[in-house]
Protein backbone atom coordinates (compact mmCIF):
# COMPACT_ATOMS: atom_id res chain seq x y z
CA MET A 1 95.72 96.32 108.05
CA LYS A 2 99.04 97.19 109.65
CA LYS A 3 100.44 100.66 109.06
CA SER A 4 103.57 99.17 107.46
CA SER A 5 101.41 97.21 104.96
CA LEU A 6 99.67 100.40 103.90
CA GLN A 7 103.02 102.19 103.54
CA CYS A 8 104.37 99.31 101.41
CA ALA A 9 101.28 99.46 99.19
CA ILE A 10 101.70 103.20 98.67
CA ALA A 11 105.43 102.81 97.95
CA ALA A 12 104.77 100.01 95.43
CA THR A 13 102.18 102.14 93.65
CA LEU A 14 104.51 105.13 93.43
CA LEU A 15 107.37 102.93 92.21
CA THR A 16 105.17 101.34 89.55
CA THR A 17 103.95 104.70 88.30
CA SER A 18 107.46 106.09 87.95
CA PHE A 19 108.16 103.54 85.17
CA CYS A 20 105.03 104.24 83.19
CA ASN A 21 104.55 107.70 81.72
CA HIS A 22 101.81 107.03 79.19
CA ALA A 23 98.08 107.24 79.78
CA ILE A 24 96.03 104.07 79.98
CA ASP A 25 92.86 104.21 77.91
CA LEU A 26 90.23 102.56 80.11
CA ASN A 27 87.94 102.38 77.09
CA SER A 28 90.41 100.29 75.05
CA ASP A 29 89.25 97.10 73.30
CA GLU A 30 92.65 95.51 73.91
CA LYS A 31 93.81 93.07 76.61
CA LEU A 32 92.78 92.88 80.23
CA ASN A 33 92.97 96.10 82.20
CA ALA A 34 94.20 95.95 85.80
CA ARG A 35 93.94 98.45 88.60
CA PHE A 36 95.21 98.93 92.12
CA ASP A 37 92.93 100.84 94.51
CA ILE A 38 93.77 102.54 97.78
CA GLY A 39 91.48 104.65 99.92
CA ALA A 40 89.12 104.68 102.86
CA SER A 41 85.72 103.29 103.64
CA PHE A 42 83.15 104.62 106.07
CA LEU A 43 81.03 101.75 107.38
CA GLN A 44 78.21 101.16 109.84
CA LEU A 45 77.85 97.70 111.37
CA LYS A 46 74.86 95.86 112.76
CA VAL A 47 75.67 92.71 114.76
CA ILE A 48 72.77 90.36 115.51
CA GLU A 49 73.71 87.88 118.25
CA ASP A 50 70.42 87.37 120.08
CA HIS A 51 67.78 86.31 117.55
CA ASP A 52 64.97 86.49 120.10
CA GLY A 53 66.03 89.84 121.54
CA PRO A 54 65.06 93.37 120.56
CA SER A 55 65.80 94.70 117.08
CA VAL A 56 69.37 95.95 116.62
CA ASN A 57 70.24 99.21 114.85
CA TYR A 58 73.34 100.07 112.87
CA GLY A 59 76.16 101.48 115.03
CA SER A 60 78.28 104.57 114.57
CA VAL A 61 80.41 105.08 111.47
CA LYS A 62 83.75 103.25 111.47
CA THR A 63 86.60 104.38 109.22
CA SER A 64 88.73 101.74 107.55
CA PRO A 65 91.68 101.78 105.14
CA ILE A 66 90.93 99.90 101.95
CA ILE A 67 93.16 98.35 99.30
CA GLY A 68 92.07 96.38 96.27
CA PHE A 69 93.19 94.81 93.05
CA GLY A 70 90.88 94.34 90.08
CA ILE A 71 90.94 93.27 86.47
CA ASN A 72 88.40 93.90 83.73
CA LYS A 73 87.94 93.65 79.99
CA LYS A 74 85.84 95.58 77.54
CA VAL A 75 83.06 93.28 76.32
CA SER A 76 81.06 95.78 74.25
CA ALA A 77 81.25 99.41 73.14
CA ASN A 78 80.18 100.66 76.57
CA SER A 79 80.67 97.73 78.97
CA LEU A 80 83.56 96.47 81.09
CA VAL A 81 83.26 93.21 83.07
CA GLY A 82 85.79 91.99 85.59
CA THR A 83 86.54 90.81 89.09
CA LYS A 84 88.16 92.36 92.17
CA ILE A 85 89.46 91.53 95.63
CA GLU A 86 89.44 94.09 98.46
CA LEU A 87 90.90 94.14 101.96
CA GLN A 88 89.66 96.37 104.78
CA ARG A 89 90.57 96.51 108.48
CA ILE A 90 87.58 97.26 110.71
CA GLU A 91 88.48 97.79 114.36
CA GLY A 92 91.31 95.28 114.10
CA SER A 93 89.35 92.62 112.16
CA LEU A 94 90.00 91.84 108.50
CA LEU A 95 87.17 92.11 105.97
CA THR A 96 87.97 90.46 102.64
CA THR A 97 85.57 90.83 99.73
CA PHE A 98 85.74 89.09 96.39
CA ARG A 99 83.68 90.56 93.57
CA ALA A 100 82.61 87.72 91.31
CA ILE A 101 81.12 90.26 88.89
CA ASP A 102 82.45 93.81 88.78
CA TYR A 103 80.57 95.61 85.97
CA ARG A 104 81.18 99.11 84.65
CA TYR A 105 79.23 101.08 82.08
CA ILE A 106 81.25 103.68 80.13
CA LEU A 107 79.39 107.00 79.92
CA ASP A 108 82.21 108.85 78.13
CA GLU A 109 86.03 109.03 78.11
CA GLN A 110 86.13 110.28 81.70
CA TRP A 111 83.07 108.88 83.50
CA GLN A 112 81.91 105.36 84.32
CA ILE A 113 79.24 103.92 86.59
CA GLY A 114 79.26 100.41 87.94
CA ALA A 115 77.79 97.70 90.13
CA PHE A 116 79.12 94.51 91.69
CA ILE A 117 78.13 91.33 93.51
CA GLY A 118 80.32 88.86 95.34
CA ALA A 119 81.31 87.15 98.57
CA ALA A 120 82.57 88.55 101.88
CA ARG A 121 84.62 87.10 104.73
CA TYR A 122 84.89 88.91 108.08
CA ASP A 123 87.43 87.67 110.64
CA TYR A 124 85.80 88.86 113.86
CA ARG A 125 86.24 86.31 116.69
CA SER A 126 85.86 83.47 114.15
CA PRO A 127 85.50 83.53 110.33
CA ALA A 128 82.14 84.73 109.01
CA TYR A 129 80.87 84.47 105.44
CA GLY A 130 78.20 86.36 103.51
CA TYR A 131 77.67 88.34 100.34
CA THR A 132 78.43 91.84 99.12
CA VAL A 133 76.74 94.11 96.57
CA GLY A 134 77.19 97.72 95.62
CA PHE A 135 77.27 100.46 93.01
CA GLY A 136 79.34 103.55 92.29
CA GLY A 137 80.76 106.19 90.01
CA PHE A 138 84.30 106.61 88.65
CA TYR A 139 86.12 109.59 87.15
CA GLN A 140 89.42 109.83 85.25
CA PRO A 141 90.40 113.45 84.53
CA LYS A 142 92.15 113.89 81.18
CA GLY A 143 95.44 115.07 82.66
CA TRP A 144 95.70 112.28 85.25
CA LYS A 145 97.15 109.65 82.86
CA ASN A 146 96.79 106.30 84.67
CA TRP A 147 95.02 107.63 87.76
CA SER A 148 91.31 107.78 88.50
CA ILE A 149 89.04 108.29 91.52
CA GLY A 150 85.89 106.52 92.53
CA THR A 151 83.21 106.29 95.14
CA GLU A 152 80.98 103.30 95.85
CA MET A 153 78.13 102.37 98.13
CA GLN A 154 78.83 98.97 99.68
CA LEU A 155 76.56 96.47 101.42
CA MET A 156 77.88 93.35 103.13
CA ASP A 157 74.85 91.37 104.27
CA LYS A 158 74.14 88.22 106.26
CA ILE A 159 77.80 87.66 107.14
CA ALA A 160 77.23 84.61 109.33
CA ARG A 161 79.51 82.78 111.75
CA ASP A 162 78.99 79.99 114.25
CA LYS A 163 78.94 80.90 117.93
CA ILE A 164 82.12 79.08 118.95
CA HIS A 165 84.14 81.90 120.52
CA PRO A 166 84.19 82.15 124.35
CA ASP A 167 82.91 85.76 124.18
CA ASP A 168 79.82 84.81 122.14
CA LEU A 169 76.33 84.73 123.63
CA PRO A 170 75.10 81.20 124.39
CA ALA A 171 73.87 79.14 121.44
CA SER A 172 70.38 79.21 123.00
CA THR A 173 70.06 82.76 121.57
CA GLY A 174 70.52 81.31 118.06
CA PRO A 175 73.26 79.18 116.49
CA ASP A 176 74.83 81.98 114.42
CA THR A 177 75.86 85.59 114.73
CA PHE A 178 75.03 87.79 111.73
CA THR A 179 76.88 90.97 110.81
CA ASN A 180 75.51 93.46 108.28
CA MET A 181 77.58 96.39 107.01
CA ILE A 182 76.67 99.37 104.90
CA GLY A 183 78.99 102.15 103.83
CA LEU A 184 80.75 104.38 101.38
CA ALA A 185 84.21 103.74 99.90
CA VAL A 186 86.36 106.47 98.34
CA THR A 187 89.34 105.25 96.34
CA LEU A 188 92.25 106.46 94.25
CA SER A 189 93.05 103.98 91.48
CA TYR A 190 96.14 103.33 89.41
CA ASN A 191 95.25 101.65 86.10
CA PHE A 192 97.79 99.55 84.21
């Protein structure tokens, strides 16, 4: 993600919040709730190019900016179900994840826990596709009005792409390259 894109996202969030001075009740039974997330993720990658070679370990931790937009709706007294899209930039390559199911369980007025499952696309050399799962906790202090914070464990697994790039190992080492990612995301959310 370019630095200017991140600055625009922050400016848009601040502009949006200046027009809304009431607190959003995340536990409301009303319409769809939406949220904009911004933060950082700390990921480790494992790239498997040679399927007959030695086992590959996860690499060092990479830091990535993260932005996301999600919607959810209360479906029972303690459950929210929704969907979300996230964008991350990992060493110059875009990781896009789409959460088909983004579930949250309401513990009380301030705390929620959640889990998700969805699809992932990683644009490293050529597009790669896989799945993503994860879980986390979310906190909205009483005085923060529309703002909340969250942390989630993320797993992007079996992100596969064909070996068609000139820098790829020969196809004789296997027809696909697989990328696995595991990490922690910390986000600040604006709920509207």
